[in-house]
Protein backbone atom coordinates (compact mmCIF):
# COMPACT_ATOMS: atom_id res chain seq x y z
CA UNK A 1 23.61 -11.36 22.99
CA UNK A 2 21.92 -11.88 26.31
CA UNK A 3 22.70 -14.88 28.45
CA UNK A 4 19.52 -16.53 27.19
CA UNK A 5 20.56 -15.96 23.59
CA UNK A 6 23.99 -17.47 24.24
CA UNK A 7 22.40 -20.47 25.93
CA UNK A 8 20.03 -21.05 23.03
CA UNK A 9 22.77 -20.60 20.41
CA UNK A 10 25.03 -23.00 22.28
CA UNK A 11 22.27 -25.57 22.71
CA UNK A 12 21.20 -25.58 19.06
CA UNK A 13 24.83 -25.70 17.89
CA UNK A 14 25.55 -28.74 20.00
CA UNK A 15 22.37 -30.45 18.89
CA UNK A 16 23.24 -29.81 15.24
CA UNK A 17 26.70 -31.33 15.68
CA UNK A 18 25.20 -34.36 17.40
CA UNK A 19 22.52 -34.87 14.74
CA UNK A 20 24.66 -34.26 11.66
CA UNK A 21 28.23 -35.00 12.74
CA UNK A 22 29.66 -31.58 11.88
CA UNK A 23 29.50 -27.98 13.00
CA UNK A 24 26.84 -25.72 11.43
CA UNK A 25 27.75 -22.90 9.07
CA UNK A 26 25.83 -20.51 11.28
CA UNK A 27 22.97 -19.95 13.69
CA UNK A 28 19.98 -17.73 12.98
CA UNK A 29 17.12 -16.82 15.29
CA UNK A 30 13.77 -15.06 15.22
CA UNK A 31 11.45 -13.99 18.02
CA UNK A 32 7.89 -14.70 18.90
CA UNK A 33 5.59 -11.73 19.04
CA UNK A 34 2.89 -10.19 21.13
CA UNK A 35 0.14 -8.29 19.40
CA UNK A 36 -0.50 -5.18 21.45
CA UNK A 37 -3.77 -4.60 19.59
CA UNK A 38 -5.36 -5.49 16.25
CA UNK A 39 -6.68 -9.06 16.25
CA UNK A 40 -7.82 -10.79 13.04
CA UNK A 41 -7.52 -7.49 11.16
CA UNK A 42 -4.45 -8.61 9.21
CA UNK A 43 -6.18 -10.92 6.72
CA UNK A 44 -8.84 -8.24 6.32
CA UNK A 45 -6.14 -5.92 4.91
CA UNK A 46 -6.34 -3.77 8.02
CA UNK A 47 -4.00 -2.47 10.70
CA UNK A 48 -2.10 -4.22 13.48
CA UNK A 49 0.33 -3.19 16.21
CA UNK A 50 2.54 -6.11 17.26
CA UNK A 51 5.98 -6.18 18.83
CA UNK A 52 8.68 -8.83 18.89
CA UNK A 53 9.52 -10.36 22.27
CA UNK A 54 12.67 -11.75 23.85
CA UNK A 55 11.71 -15.43 23.51
CA UNK A 56 13.28 -16.76 20.32
CA UNK A 57 13.56 -19.80 18.06
CA UNK A 58 17.03 -20.64 16.79
CA UNK A 59 18.09 -22.59 13.72
CA UNK A 60 21.58 -24.00 13.18
CA UNK A 61 22.12 -24.77 9.51
CA UNK A 62 24.63 -25.80 6.86
CA UNK A 63 24.59 -26.59 3.17
CA UNK A 64 24.66 -30.15 1.83
CA UNK A 65 25.74 -31.36 -1.59
CA UNK A 66 23.15 -34.11 -2.07
CA UNK A 67 20.00 -32.07 -2.78
CA UNK A 68 18.35 -33.19 0.46
CA UNK A 69 16.64 -31.17 3.16
CA UNK A 70 17.17 -32.73 6.62
CA UNK A 71 15.47 -31.22 9.65
CA UNK A 72 15.93 -31.96 13.35
CA UNK A 73 14.19 -30.33 16.30
CA UNK A 74 14.95 -30.24 20.01
CA UNK A 75 11.20 -30.19 20.62
CA UNK A 76 10.76 -33.45 18.66
CA UNK A 77 14.04 -35.25 19.41
CA UNK A 78 13.06 -38.69 18.17
CA UNK A 79 12.60 -37.66 14.55
CA UNK A 80 14.81 -36.34 11.76
CA UNK A 81 12.77 -35.50 8.69
CA UNK A 82 14.43 -36.03 5.31
CA UNK A 83 12.96 -34.66 2.08
CA UNK A 84 14.56 -34.21 -1.37
CA UNK A 85 14.80 -30.48 -1.98
CA UNK A 86 13.03 -30.99 -5.31
CA UNK A 87 10.18 -32.63 -3.39
CA UNK A 88 9.88 -30.00 -0.65
CA UNK A 89 6.36 -29.02 -1.66
CA UNK A 90 3.05 -28.56 0.19
CA UNK A 91 1.86 -31.93 1.46
CA UNK A 92 5.31 -33.51 1.42
CA UNK A 93 5.33 -33.73 5.22
CA UNK A 94 2.91 -33.00 8.03
CA UNK A 95 3.15 -31.87 11.63
CA UNK A 96 5.97 -29.67 12.90
CA UNK A 97 8.23 -30.34 9.91
CA UNK A 98 5.68 -28.80 7.51
CA UNK A 99 6.85 -25.36 8.68
CA UNK A 100 10.56 -25.56 7.74
CA UNK A 101 9.86 -27.65 4.64
CA UNK A 102 7.15 -25.19 3.60
CA UNK A 103 9.51 -22.24 4.03
CA UNK A 104 12.13 -23.94 1.85
CA UNK A 105 9.48 -24.46 -0.81
CA UNK A 106 8.04 -20.96 -0.62
CA UNK A 107 11.39 -19.21 -0.59
CA UNK A 108 12.58 -21.34 -3.48
CA UNK A 109 9.45 -20.57 -5.51
CA UNK A 110 9.77 -16.82 -4.97
CA UNK A 111 13.50 -16.87 -5.61
CA UNK A 112 13.09 -18.66 -8.93
CA UNK A 113 11.31 -15.69 -10.39
CA UNK A 114 7.70 -16.04 -9.33
CA UNK A 115 7.30 -12.56 -8.01
CA UNK A 116 10.74 -11.12 -7.33
CA UNK A 117 13.19 -12.17 -10.02
CA UNK A 118 15.82 -13.36 -7.54
CA UNK A 119 18.13 -16.24 -8.44
CA UNK A 120 16.87 -19.60 -7.25
CA UNK A 121 18.72 -22.10 -5.06
CA UNK A 122 20.68 -24.78 -6.88
CA UNK A 123 18.61 -27.93 -6.49
CA UNK A 124 21.81 -29.80 -5.58
CA UNK A 125 22.28 -27.47 -2.62
CA UNK A 126 20.60 -29.39 0.14
CA UNK A 127 20.35 -28.06 3.67
CA UNK A 128 20.69 -29.50 7.18
CA UNK A 129 18.63 -27.68 9.81
CA UNK A 130 18.46 -28.08 13.55
CA UNK A 131 15.79 -26.18 15.48
CA UNK A 132 15.47 -25.23 19.13
CA UNK A 133 12.89 -22.87 20.57
CA UNK A 134 12.09 -20.88 23.68
CA UNK A 135 8.75 -19.63 22.31
CA UNK A 136 5.87 -21.58 23.92
CA UNK A 137 3.65 -23.32 21.38
CA UNK A 138 -0.03 -22.41 21.28
CA UNK A 139 0.32 -19.55 23.77
CA UNK A 140 -0.65 -16.80 21.31
CA UNK A 141 3.00 -15.76 20.91
CA UNK A 142 3.38 -16.98 17.32
CA UNK A 143 5.84 -19.79 17.77
CA UNK A 144 5.11 -20.76 14.16
CA UNK A 145 6.24 -17.40 12.76
CA UNK A 146 9.39 -17.49 14.90
CA UNK A 147 10.23 -20.88 13.41
CA UNK A 148 9.42 -19.81 9.87
CA UNK A 149 11.41 -16.58 10.05
CA UNK A 150 14.46 -18.22 11.62
CA UNK A 151 14.48 -20.87 8.86
CA UNK A 152 13.90 -18.28 6.13
CA UNK A 153 16.77 -16.14 7.42
CA UNK A 154 19.10 -19.15 7.40
CA UNK A 155 18.09 -20.26 3.90
CA UNK A 156 18.32 -16.73 2.54
CA UNK A 157 21.95 -16.49 3.65
CA UNK A 158 22.97 -20.04 2.76
CA UNK A 159 21.36 -19.93 -0.68
CA UNK A 160 22.38 -16.32 -1.31
CA UNK A 161 18.93 -15.44 -2.62
CA UNK A 162 19.20 -11.83 -1.45
CA UNK A 163 15.55 -11.52 -0.39
CA UNK A 164 14.66 -8.51 1.74
CA UNK A 165 12.74 -8.82 4.98
CA UNK A 166 9.39 -8.08 3.37
CA UNK A 167 10.02 -10.81 0.78
CA UNK A 168 10.92 -13.21 3.57
CA UNK A 169 7.71 -12.31 5.43
CA UNK A 170 5.66 -13.04 2.31
CA UNK A 171 7.41 -16.37 1.77
CA UNK A 172 6.84 -17.38 5.40
CA UNK A 173 3.17 -16.43 5.20
CA UNK A 174 2.79 -18.47 2.04
CA UNK A 175 4.39 -21.45 3.78
CA UNK A 176 1.91 -21.22 6.65
CA UNK A 177 -1.08 -20.74 4.32
CA UNK A 178 -0.29 -23.37 1.69
CA UNK A 179 2.09 -25.87 3.27
CA UNK A 180 0.67 -25.91 6.80
CA UNK A 181 -2.92 -25.01 5.90
CA UNK A 182 -3.40 -22.15 8.37
CA UNK A 183 -5.13 -19.17 6.66
CA UNK A 184 -3.23 -16.52 8.63
CA UNK A 185 -2.33 -12.99 7.59
CA UNK A 186 1.18 -11.57 7.41
CA UNK A 187 1.32 -9.84 10.79
CA UNK A 188 3.19 -12.51 12.74
CA UNK A 189 5.96 -12.98 10.20
CA UNK A 190 6.38 -9.24 9.67
CA UNK A 191 6.67 -8.58 13.41
CA UNK A 192 9.19 -11.39 13.85
CA UNK A 193 11.38 -9.99 11.08
CA UNK A 194 11.00 -6.25 11.69
CA UNK A 195 10.80 -6.06 15.49
CA UNK A 196 13.11 -3.71 17.35
CA UNK A 197 14.06 -2.84 20.89
CA UNK A 198 11.71 -0.32 22.49
CA UNK A 199 9.22 -0.16 19.65
CA UNK A 200 6.08 -1.73 18.25
CA UNK A 201 5.42 -2.21 14.53
CA UNK A 202 2.43 -0.37 13.08
CA UNK A 203 1.70 -2.47 10.01
CA UNK A 204 -0.64 -1.71 7.14
CA UNK A 205 -1.49 -5.22 6.00
CA UNK A 206 -2.79 -4.09 2.61
CA UNK A 207 0.39 -2.38 1.48
CA UNK A 208 2.64 -4.50 3.75
CA UNK A 209 4.43 -1.39 4.96
CA UNK A 210 5.29 -0.73 8.56
CA UNK A 211 6.38 2.06 10.84
CA UNK A 212 8.01 1.98 14.24
CA UNK A 213 5.92 3.29 17.12
CA UNK A 214 7.57 4.05 20.49
CA UNK A 215 6.79 1.55 23.23
CA UNK A 216 9.17 2.50 26.03
CA UNK A 217 7.61 0.57 28.87
CA UNK A 218 10.50 0.88 31.31
CA UNK A 219 10.74 4.63 30.79
CA UNK A 220 7.06 4.99 31.67
CA UNK A 221 7.30 2.68 34.69
CA UNK A 222 5.03 0.12 33.05
CA UNK A 223 5.05 -3.62 32.54
CA UNK A 224 3.28 -5.78 30.01
CA UNK A 225 2.44 -8.97 31.81
CA UNK A 226 1.37 -12.07 29.91
CA UNK A 227 -0.87 -14.60 31.59
CA UNK A 228 -0.63 -17.86 29.65
CA UNK A 229 -3.78 -19.81 30.45
CA UNK A 230 -2.31 -23.10 29.28
CA UNK A 231 -5.19 -23.55 26.85
CA UNK A 232 -3.71 -24.41 23.48
CA UNK A 233 -4.97 -23.43 20.07
CA UNK A 234 -3.89 -24.32 16.54
CA UNK A 235 -4.44 -21.83 13.74
CA UNK A 236 -5.10 -24.57 11.22
CA UNK A 237 -8.14 -25.70 13.24
CA UNK A 238 -11.61 -24.76 12.04
CA UNK A 239 -12.35 -21.83 14.37
CA UNK A 240 -9.79 -19.56 12.75
CA UNK A 241 -10.81 -20.50 9.22
CA UNK A 242 -14.51 -19.99 9.94
CA UNK A 243 -13.85 -16.45 11.21
CA UNK A 244 -11.95 -15.63 8.06
CA UNK A 245 -14.76 -17.04 5.92
CA UNK A 246 -17.29 -14.89 7.82
CA UNK A 247 -15.21 -11.78 7.15
CA UNK A 248 -15.01 -12.57 3.46
CA UNK A 249 -18.79 -13.07 3.30
CA UNK A 250 -19.33 -9.74 5.02
CA UNK A 251 -17.02 -7.91 2.61
CA UNK A 252 -18.88 -9.36 -0.37
CA UNK A 253 -22.24 -8.41 1.09
CA UNK A 254 -21.05 -4.87 1.81
CA UNK A 255 -19.54 -4.52 -1.65
CA UNK A 256 -16.02 -3.71 -0.44
CA UNK A 257 -12.68 -5.34 -1.37
CA UNK A 258 -12.00 -6.16 2.30
CA UNK A 259 -13.42 -5.22 5.68
CA UNK A 260 -10.65 -2.68 5.99
CA UNK A 261 -12.80 -0.57 3.63
CA UNK A 262 -16.05 -1.04 5.58
CA UNK A 263 -17.57 1.45 8.04
CA UNK A 264 -20.03 1.16 10.88
CA UNK A 265 -22.44 3.36 8.90
CA UNK A 266 -22.22 0.95 5.99
CA UNK A 267 -22.80 -1.94 8.36
CA UNK A 268 -25.97 -0.27 9.63
CA UNK A 269 -27.19 0.25 6.06
CA UNK A 270 -26.61 -3.40 5.19
CA UNK A 271 -29.79 -4.38 7.04
CA UNK A 272 -30.80 -7.97 6.38
CA UNK A 273 -27.96 -8.53 3.88
CA UNK A 274 -25.96 -9.85 6.83
CA UNK A 275 -27.11 -12.39 9.38
CA UNK A 276 -26.48 -11.48 13.01
CA UNK A 277 -23.33 -13.56 13.38
CA UNK A 278 -21.68 -12.21 10.22
CA UNK A 279 -22.64 -8.66 11.22
CA UNK A 280 -20.95 -9.08 14.58
CA UNK A 281 -17.81 -10.53 12.97
CA UNK A 282 -17.62 -7.52 10.66
CA UNK A 283 -18.25 -5.09 13.50
CA UNK A 284 -15.28 -6.44 15.41
CA UNK A 285 -12.96 -5.91 12.44
CA UNK A 286 -14.21 -2.37 11.75
CA UNK A 287 -13.94 -1.26 15.37
CA UNK A 288 -10.65 -3.07 15.93
CA UNK A 289 -9.04 -1.18 13.05
CA UNK A 290 -10.21 2.04 14.68
CA UNK A 291 -8.75 0.96 18.02
CA UNK A 292 -5.38 0.23 16.42
CA UNK A 293 -5.11 3.68 14.86
CA UNK A 294 -6.28 5.31 18.10
CA UNK A 295 -3.63 3.38 20.05
CA UNK A 296 -0.91 4.46 17.63
CA UNK A 297 -2.01 8.07 17.96
CA UNK A 298 -1.98 7.80 21.76
CA UNK A 299 1.49 6.21 21.88
CA UNK A 300 2.95 8.83 19.57
CA UNK A 301 1.43 11.53 21.76
CA UNK A 302 3.20 10.10 24.83
CA UNK A 303 0.22 8.44 26.47
CA UNK A 304 2.31 5.74 28.14
CA UNK A 305 4.03 8.32 30.30
CA UNK A 306 1.14 10.77 30.50
CA UNK A 307 -2.06 8.71 30.61
CA UNK A 308 -1.48 4.96 30.27
CA UNK A 309 -5.14 4.47 31.04
CA UNK A 310 -5.95 5.82 27.58
CA UNK A 311 -4.11 2.91 25.99
CA UNK A 312 -5.47 0.52 28.60
CA UNK A 313 -9.07 1.40 27.81
CA UNK A 314 -8.49 0.57 24.15
CA UNK A 315 -6.97 -2.78 25.08
CA UNK A 316 -9.92 -3.65 27.29
CA UNK A 317 -12.42 -2.61 24.61
CA UNK A 318 -10.59 -4.87 22.17
CA UNK A 319 -11.03 -7.83 24.51
CA UNK A 320 -14.75 -7.13 24.88
CA UNK A 321 -15.11 -7.04 21.10
CA UNK A 322 -13.29 -10.35 20.70
CA UNK A 323 -15.46 -11.86 23.43
CA UNK A 324 -18.86 -10.59 22.29
CA UNK A 325 -18.59 -9.97 18.54
CA UNK A 326 -15.82 -12.25 17.27
CA UNK A 327 -16.34 -14.93 19.94
CA UNK A 328 -12.76 -16.15 20.12
CA UNK A 329 -12.09 -15.84 23.85
CA UNK A 330 -12.60 -18.58 26.43
CA UNK A 331 -13.83 -18.45 30.04
CA UNK A 332 -10.21 -18.69 31.22
CA UNK A 333 -9.11 -15.80 29.03
CA UNK A 334 -12.08 -13.72 30.16
CA UNK A 335 -11.30 -14.50 33.80
CA UNK A 336 -7.68 -13.43 33.43
CA UNK A 337 -8.62 -10.16 31.73
CA UNK A 338 -11.39 -9.26 34.18
CA UNK A 339 -9.27 -10.15 37.21
CA UNK A 340 -6.38 -8.02 35.98
CA UNK A 341 -8.65 -5.00 35.54
CA UNK A 342 -10.22 -5.57 38.94
CA UNK A 343 -6.76 -5.73 40.54
CA UNK A 344 -5.76 -2.34 39.15
CA UNK A 345 -4.29 -2.96 35.71
CA UNK A 346 -4.74 -0.18 33.15
CA UNK A 347 -6.07 -2.61 30.55
CA UNK A 348 -6.08 -6.26 29.46
CA UNK A 349 -6.92 -8.23 26.35
CA UNK A 350 -6.49 -11.62 24.82
CA UNK A 351 -3.60 -11.68 22.37
CA UNK A 352 -3.22 -14.07 19.44
CA UNK A 353 -5.61 -16.00 17.26
CA UNK A 354 -7.93 -16.93 20.10
CA UNK A 355 -9.55 -20.09 21.49
CA UNK A 356 -6.80 -20.25 24.11
CA UNK A 357 -3.39 -18.75 24.70
CA UNK A 358 -2.52 -15.65 26.68
CA UNK A 359 -3.92 -12.41 28.05
CA UNK A 360 -1.84 -9.24 27.78
CA UNK A 361 -2.00 -6.94 30.80
CA UNK A 362 -0.78 -3.33 30.87
CA UNK A 363 0.09 -2.49 34.46
CA UNK A 364 2.13 -0.12 36.58
CA UNK A 365 5.35 -2.00 37.28
CA UNK A 366 4.87 -1.44 41.02
CA UNK A 367 1.56 -3.34 40.86
CA UNK A 368 2.70 -6.11 38.52
CA UNK A 369 3.20 -8.69 41.27
CA UNK A 370 -0.12 -7.80 42.90
CA UNK A 371 -2.00 -8.18 39.62
CA UNK A 372 -0.21 -11.45 38.86
CA UNK A 373 -1.11 -12.83 42.29
CA UNK A 374 -4.74 -11.83 41.76
CA UNK A 375 -4.88 -13.72 38.47
CA UNK A 376 -3.26 -16.79 40.01
CA UNK A 377 -5.67 -16.69 42.93
CA UNK A 378 -8.71 -16.31 40.70
CA UNK A 379 -7.71 -19.34 38.63
CA UNK A 380 -7.09 -21.43 41.72
CA UNK A 381 -10.48 -20.45 43.15
CA UNK A 382 -12.15 -21.40 39.85
CA UNK A 383 -10.41 -24.78 39.84
CA UNK A 384 -8.40 -23.91 36.74
CA UNK A 385 -4.76 -24.67 36.05
CA UNK A 386 -2.65 -21.81 37.39
CA UNK A 387 -1.48 -19.68 34.46
CA UNK A 388 2.16 -19.05 33.61
CA UNK A 389 3.04 -15.40 34.12
CA UNK A 390 5.84 -13.61 32.28
CA UNK A 391 6.70 -10.03 31.44
CA UNK A 392 7.60 -9.11 27.88
CA UNK A 393 9.37 -6.15 26.33
CA UNK A 394 9.77 -5.06 22.69
CA UNK A 395 12.83 -6.80 21.27
CA UNK A 396 14.87 -7.13 18.10
CA UNK A 397 13.64 -9.15 15.14
CA UNK A 398 15.27 -11.98 13.16
CA UNK A 399 19.05 -12.01 12.98
CA UNK A 400 22.15 -14.15 12.42
CA UNK A 401 23.64 -14.97 15.82
CA UNK A 402 26.76 -16.88 14.86
CA UNK A 403 28.87 -18.04 11.92
CA UNK A 404 28.93 -17.04 8.22
CA UNK A 405 31.77 -14.58 8.88
């Protein structure tokens, strides 16, 4: 563990003991993620290229013998949510607790034979959970997936359901879709579970199969800088859902199962079958899928060390597409991206669901401070809240950090 990991594990362990009067059986954690490229392509059965980051959410947990699920959170210290395990279903709770309760429901449903044939948890086997997180909420770093995957990892061990990481990703996605009401794809959960040091995850969202792609930033003398604008988004809000609905309309009009199967030539042939807005939404997805596969090819060919500008140009083109065709950026996100490019970065793009959050900047490590200062100065000049700047590196996915020996 790093010092940060030890601090988080210690903090969540102490909070668990304070909340529940006993030591936890173990501590599990899962990371947030940054999506290098491939935005909104996941629910269109397309391609994405995320990587897990060092910021993590930890869950201390233990079994109970009263059939109750009790959940405490350091981020919401005044509330302990209590739900009978038999009643841990969509709609049972709202707000932050819908995530862990939803994961318990989804994992229990899958484990009881609805899709994988695994043994289900004994309904008398309640669980106490205590959560603490270092993943900023609403910053485009998927704090929700980090929470879901940490909880799922804990429940999988404590209940002995034996689910693999792909099964856990599916259960976490189902929790977010049905219990929380956010119509997200599976990218975030998959990245949080499958992340690894020094690599990104090239995920085919149709087959839910992934491959590791080298992302050795330090070896190439590069830094990925995140500029968190402070603007906060929520995936269950209407903007995300309306984009997904537009994509589904476009697929129907084009006669394809999903926009993953569409082409620019087919889009041109569609003519008046698509209104201008729906056409632009579809064009973003089609071109974004192409940018993902081009980025993977470039990384595998050693572009980071040889020509990082090749990757940077794809990142910048992705941002332009999200700004002009998918319309999910904001003036603050656009300012951060444009300023970074103007200050000498190789490329920059919004990362995450949009409508706020962070901009990812690929920059020579020797120019990282200069680019960061330029972004800060541009925001101050525009009268905007100064963004939070942090560097991120590809890190390991979900794991058990302590206990259950």
